Amino acid sequence: MPEVSSLQDNISARLSILGDVAAPDFPDWIAERALRLSLVGRIESSGPDCLVVAVEGPEALIDAMELACSLGPASVMVDRIERQRLNGALQRSGFQIA
């Protein structure tokens, strides 16, 4: 029987998404993907060239989130994503757009 992930398996990470990311639908798109992956987090800041997302969950699902964001919706052009591991839990539920 496969093991079920526990909270100890969760990590927190900050994804800085760089490129032409100013599309108004991108934050909602990110939130929808995060919720589908059962990740919690928030968009910390956004601007025309950088959108910063803090997420928490199993590392494999954060990997999937990073890949999804790199492809993005048709309205954005992601050049690169910088990922930084965070210490501690985000202590939130759901996904928040600031």
N, C-alpha and C. Protein backbone atom coordinates (compact mmCIF):
# COMPACT_ATOMS: atom_id res chain seq x y z
N MET A 1 0.85 -1.18 0.00
CA MET A 1 0.00 0.00 0.00
C MET A 1 0.90 1.24 0.00
N PRO A 2 0.66 2.22 -0.91
CA PRO A 2 1.49 3.42 -0.95
C PRO A 2 1.30 4.28 0.29
N GLU A 3 2.38 4.96 0.66
CA GLU A 3 2.31 5.87 1.81
C GLU A 3 1.55 7.14 1.44
N VAL A 4 0.80 7.64 2.39
CA VAL A 4 0.10 8.90 2.20
C VAL A 4 1.00 10.02 2.70
N SER A 5 1.13 11.09 1.91
CA SER A 5 1.97 12.22 2.33
C SER A 5 1.42 12.85 3.59
N SER A 6 2.31 13.24 4.47
CA SER A 6 1.91 13.92 5.69
C SER A 6 2.39 15.36 5.63
N LEU A 7 2.02 16.15 6.61
CA LEU A 7 2.44 17.54 6.65
C LEU A 7 3.96 17.66 6.70
N GLN A 8 4.66 16.66 7.24
CA GLN A 8 6.10 16.71 7.29
C GLN A 8 6.71 16.67 5.89
N ASP A 9 5.98 16.14 4.92
CA ASP A 9 6.47 16.07 3.54
C ASP A 9 6.29 17.38 2.80
N ASN A 10 5.56 18.32 3.38
CA ASN A 10 5.30 19.59 2.72
C ASN A 10 6.50 20.51 2.83
N ILE A 11 6.69 21.30 1.80
CA ILE A 11 7.70 22.35 1.83
C ILE A 11 7.02 23.66 1.46
N SER A 12 7.70 24.75 1.74
CA SER A 12 7.24 26.07 1.32
C SER A 12 8.27 26.63 0.37
N ALA A 13 7.80 27.29 -0.68
CA ALA A 13 8.72 27.87 -1.66
C ALA A 13 8.16 29.18 -2.19
N ARG A 14 9.07 30.02 -2.62
CA ARG A 14 8.70 31.27 -3.27
C ARG A 14 9.12 31.15 -4.74
N LEU A 15 8.15 31.34 -5.64
CA LEU A 15 8.40 31.30 -7.07
C LEU A 15 8.35 32.73 -7.60
N SER A 16 9.45 33.22 -8.12
CA SER A 16 9.49 34.53 -8.78
C SER A 16 9.38 34.26 -10.27
N ILE A 17 8.24 34.63 -10.84
CA ILE A 17 7.95 34.35 -12.25
C ILE A 17 8.30 35.61 -13.03
N LEU A 18 9.30 35.50 -13.91
CA LEU A 18 9.83 36.65 -14.62
C LEU A 18 9.51 36.58 -16.10
N GLY A 19 9.20 37.74 -16.66
CA GLY A 19 8.87 37.83 -18.08
C GLY A 19 7.77 38.86 -18.28
N ASP A 20 7.00 38.69 -19.33
CA ASP A 20 5.85 39.56 -19.58
C ASP A 20 4.65 38.92 -18.89
N VAL A 21 4.48 39.26 -17.60
CA VAL A 21 3.48 38.57 -16.76
C VAL A 21 2.39 39.52 -16.25
N ALA A 22 2.18 40.62 -16.95
CA ALA A 22 1.24 41.64 -16.48
C ALA A 22 -0.21 41.36 -16.83
N ALA A 23 -0.50 40.28 -17.53
CA ALA A 23 -1.88 40.00 -17.93
C ALA A 23 -2.78 39.93 -16.69
N PRO A 24 -3.92 40.62 -16.71
CA PRO A 24 -4.78 40.66 -15.53
C PRO A 24 -5.37 39.29 -15.14
N ASP A 25 -5.42 38.35 -16.06
CA ASP A 25 -5.97 37.03 -15.74
C ASP A 25 -4.94 36.08 -15.13
N PHE A 26 -3.65 36.45 -15.14
CA PHE A 26 -2.62 35.53 -14.68
C PHE A 26 -2.73 35.20 -13.19
N PRO A 27 -2.97 36.15 -12.28
CA PRO A 27 -3.12 35.77 -10.87
C PRO A 27 -4.25 34.77 -10.63
N ASP A 28 -5.39 34.97 -11.26
CA ASP A 28 -6.50 34.02 -11.11
C ASP A 28 -6.13 32.65 -11.70
N TRP A 29 -5.43 32.66 -12.81
CA TRP A 29 -4.98 31.42 -13.45
C TRP A 29 -4.06 30.65 -12.50
N ILE A 30 -3.13 31.36 -11.86
CA ILE A 30 -2.21 30.74 -10.90
C ILE A 30 -2.99 30.16 -9.71
N ALA A 31 -3.92 30.94 -9.18
CA ALA A 31 -4.71 30.48 -8.03
C ALA A 31 -5.50 29.22 -8.38
N GLU A 32 -6.08 29.18 -9.56
CA GLU A 32 -6.85 28.01 -9.98
C GLU A 32 -5.96 26.78 -10.08
N ARG A 33 -4.76 26.93 -10.66
CA ARG A 33 -3.83 25.80 -10.77
C ARG A 33 -3.38 25.33 -9.39
N ALA A 34 -3.09 26.27 -8.50
CA ALA A 34 -2.65 25.92 -7.14
C ALA A 34 -3.74 25.13 -6.42
N LEU A 35 -4.98 25.57 -6.53
CA LEU A 35 -6.08 24.87 -5.87
C LEU A 35 -6.29 23.49 -6.46
N ARG A 36 -6.14 23.35 -7.78
CA ARG A 36 -6.26 22.03 -8.41
C ARG A 36 -5.19 21.07 -7.91
N LEU A 37 -4.02 21.62 -7.57
CA LEU A 37 -2.92 20.80 -7.07
C LEU A 37 -2.95 20.67 -5.54
N SER A 38 -3.98 21.22 -4.92
CA SER A 38 -4.13 21.20 -3.45
C SER A 38 -2.98 21.89 -2.73
N LEU A 39 -2.44 22.94 -3.35
CA LEU A 39 -1.40 23.75 -2.74
C LEU A 39 -2.05 24.93 -2.03
N VAL A 40 -1.44 25.38 -0.97
CA VAL A 40 -1.89 26.60 -0.31
C VAL A 40 -0.86 27.68 -0.58
N GLY A 41 -1.28 28.93 -0.46
CA GLY A 41 -0.32 30.00 -0.66
C GLY A 41 -0.98 31.31 -0.99
N ARG A 42 -0.16 32.16 -1.59
CA ARG A 42 -0.63 33.51 -1.91
C ARG A 42 0.26 34.12 -2.97
N ILE A 43 -0.29 35.08 -3.67
CA ILE A 43 0.52 35.91 -4.55
C ILE A 43 0.99 37.07 -3.69
N GLU A 44 2.31 37.19 -3.57
CA GLU A 44 2.88 38.20 -2.68
C GLU A 44 3.01 39.55 -3.36
N SER A 45 3.35 39.57 -4.62
CA SER A 45 3.46 40.84 -5.34
C SER A 45 3.37 40.55 -6.83
N SER A 46 2.99 41.59 -7.56
CA SER A 46 2.94 41.43 -9.01
C SER A 46 3.28 42.76 -9.67
N GLY A 47 3.85 42.65 -10.82
CA GLY A 47 4.20 43.81 -11.62
C GLY A 47 4.30 43.36 -13.07
N PRO A 48 4.66 44.26 -13.96
CA PRO A 48 4.68 43.90 -15.37
C PRO A 48 5.75 42.87 -15.73
N ASP A 49 6.84 42.80 -14.93
CA ASP A 49 7.95 41.91 -15.26
C ASP A 49 8.17 40.78 -14.26
N CYS A 50 7.45 40.81 -13.13
CA CYS A 50 7.68 39.79 -12.10
C CYS A 50 6.41 39.59 -11.26
N LEU A 51 6.09 38.35 -11.06
CA LEU A 51 4.99 37.98 -10.19
C LEU A 51 5.56 37.00 -9.17
N VAL A 52 5.38 37.28 -7.88
CA VAL A 52 5.97 36.45 -6.83
C VAL A 52 4.85 35.67 -6.13
N VAL A 53 5.03 34.34 -6.08
CA VAL A 53 4.04 33.44 -5.51
C VAL A 53 4.68 32.62 -4.40
N ALA A 54 4.07 32.59 -3.24
CA ALA A 54 4.49 31.70 -2.15
C ALA A 54 3.53 30.53 -2.13
N VAL A 55 4.07 29.30 -2.14
CA VAL A 55 3.25 28.10 -2.14
C VAL A 55 3.77 27.10 -1.12
N GLU A 56 2.85 26.26 -0.67
CA GLU A 56 3.22 25.19 0.26
C GLU A 56 2.48 23.93 -0.12
N GLY A 57 3.20 22.82 -0.05
CA GLY A 57 2.63 21.52 -0.35
C GLY A 57 3.73 20.53 -0.61
N PRO A 58 3.38 19.33 -1.06
CA PRO A 58 4.39 18.34 -1.41
C PRO A 58 5.30 18.87 -2.52
N GLU A 59 6.59 18.57 -2.41
CA GLU A 59 7.55 19.11 -3.37
C GLU A 59 7.21 18.75 -4.82
N ALA A 60 6.73 17.53 -5.04
CA ALA A 60 6.38 17.11 -6.40
C ALA A 60 5.26 17.98 -6.98
N LEU A 61 4.31 18.39 -6.13
CA LEU A 61 3.22 19.24 -6.62
C LEU A 61 3.69 20.67 -6.84
N ILE A 62 4.65 21.13 -6.04
CA ILE A 62 5.23 22.45 -6.30
C ILE A 62 6.01 22.42 -7.61
N ASP A 63 6.69 21.30 -7.88
CA ASP A 63 7.36 21.13 -9.17
C ASP A 63 6.35 21.25 -10.31
N ALA A 64 5.19 20.60 -10.15
CA ALA A 64 4.14 20.66 -11.17
C ALA A 64 3.62 22.08 -11.34
N MET A 65 3.48 22.80 -10.21
CA MET A 65 3.03 24.19 -10.27
C MET A 65 4.04 25.05 -11.02
N GLU A 66 5.31 24.85 -10.73
CA GLU A 66 6.35 25.61 -11.42
C GLU A 66 6.32 25.34 -12.93
N LEU A 67 6.15 24.10 -13.31
CA LEU A 67 6.05 23.76 -14.73
C LEU A 67 4.83 24.41 -15.37
N ALA A 68 3.69 24.34 -14.69
CA ALA A 68 2.47 24.96 -15.22
C ALA A 68 2.67 26.45 -15.41
N CYS A 69 3.29 27.11 -14.43
CA CYS A 69 3.51 28.55 -14.53
C CYS A 69 4.48 28.89 -15.65
N SER A 70 5.46 28.02 -15.89
CA SER A 70 6.42 28.29 -16.96
C SER A 70 5.74 28.26 -18.32
N LEU A 71 4.71 27.45 -18.46
CA LEU A 71 3.93 27.40 -19.70
C LEU A 71 2.90 28.50 -19.73
N GLY A 72 2.27 28.77 -18.58
CA GLY A 72 1.33 29.87 -18.42
C GLY A 72 0.18 29.86 -19.40
N PRO A 73 -0.73 30.81 -19.23
CA PRO A 73 -1.80 30.99 -20.22
C PRO A 73 -1.23 31.73 -21.44
N ALA A 74 -2.00 31.79 -22.50
CA ALA A 74 -1.54 32.43 -23.74
C ALA A 74 -1.28 33.92 -23.57
N SER A 75 -1.82 34.53 -22.52
CA SER A 75 -1.70 35.97 -22.32
C SER A 75 -0.38 36.41 -21.68
N VAL A 76 0.48 35.46 -21.30
CA VAL A 76 1.77 35.81 -20.69
C VAL A 76 2.91 35.13 -21.43
N MET A 77 4.11 35.67 -21.22
CA MET A 77 5.32 35.06 -21.77
C MET A 77 6.33 34.98 -20.63
N VAL A 78 6.47 33.78 -20.07
CA VAL A 78 7.39 33.57 -18.95
C VAL A 78 8.78 33.30 -19.50
N ASP A 79 9.75 34.10 -19.04
CA ASP A 79 11.15 33.90 -19.45
C ASP A 79 11.84 32.89 -18.55
N ARG A 80 11.62 33.01 -17.26
CA ARG A 80 12.23 32.08 -16.31
C ARG A 80 11.50 32.17 -14.97
N ILE A 81 11.73 31.15 -14.14
CA ILE A 81 11.19 31.12 -12.78
C ILE A 81 12.35 30.87 -11.83
N GLU A 82 12.46 31.72 -10.83
CA GLU A 82 13.47 31.54 -9.79
C GLU A 82 12.75 30.99 -8.56
N ARG A 83 13.27 29.90 -8.02
CA ARG A 83 12.62 29.23 -6.89
C ARG A 83 13.51 29.30 -5.66
N GLN A 84 12.91 29.70 -4.56
CA GLN A 84 13.63 29.80 -3.29
C GLN A 84 12.85 29.02 -2.25
N ARG A 85 13.53 28.13 -1.57
CA ARG A 85 12.87 27.38 -0.50
C ARG A 85 12.72 28.27 0.72
N LEU A 86 11.56 28.23 1.35
CA LEU A 86 11.28 29.04 2.53
C LEU A 86 11.35 28.17 3.78
N ASN A 87 11.74 28.77 4.87
CA ASN A 87 11.74 28.07 6.15
C ASN A 87 10.37 28.23 6.80
N GLY A 88 9.82 27.14 7.28
CA GLY A 88 8.55 27.20 7.98
C GLY A 88 7.35 27.13 7.06
N ALA A 89 6.22 26.95 7.68
CA ALA A 89 4.95 26.82 6.96
C ALA A 89 4.34 28.19 6.71
N LEU A 90 3.51 28.27 5.67
CA LEU A 90 2.80 29.51 5.36
C LEU A 90 1.64 29.74 6.31
N GLN A 91 1.14 28.67 6.92
CA GLN A 91 0.06 28.73 7.89
C GLN A 91 -1.20 29.42 7.35
N ARG A 92 -1.58 29.02 6.19
CA ARG A 92 -2.79 29.53 5.56
C ARG A 92 -3.53 28.34 4.95
N SER A 93 -4.76 28.58 4.62
CA SER A 93 -5.49 27.57 3.86
C SER A 93 -5.96 28.23 2.57
N GLY A 94 -6.14 27.45 1.55
CA GLY A 94 -6.57 27.98 0.27
C GLY A 94 -5.46 28.77 -0.41
N PHE A 95 -5.85 29.61 -1.33
CA PHE A 95 -4.89 30.41 -2.08
C PHE A 95 -5.41 31.84 -2.13
N GLN A 96 -4.55 32.79 -1.78
CA GLN A 96 -4.98 34.19 -1.70
C GLN A 96 -4.28 35.03 -2.76
N ILE A 97 -5.03 35.93 -3.34
CA ILE A 97 -4.50 36.89 -4.30
C ILE A 97 -4.49 38.25 -3.62
N ALA A 98 -3.31 38.82 -3.48
CA ALA A 98 -3.17 40.13 -2.80
C ALA A 98 -3.64 41.26 -3.68
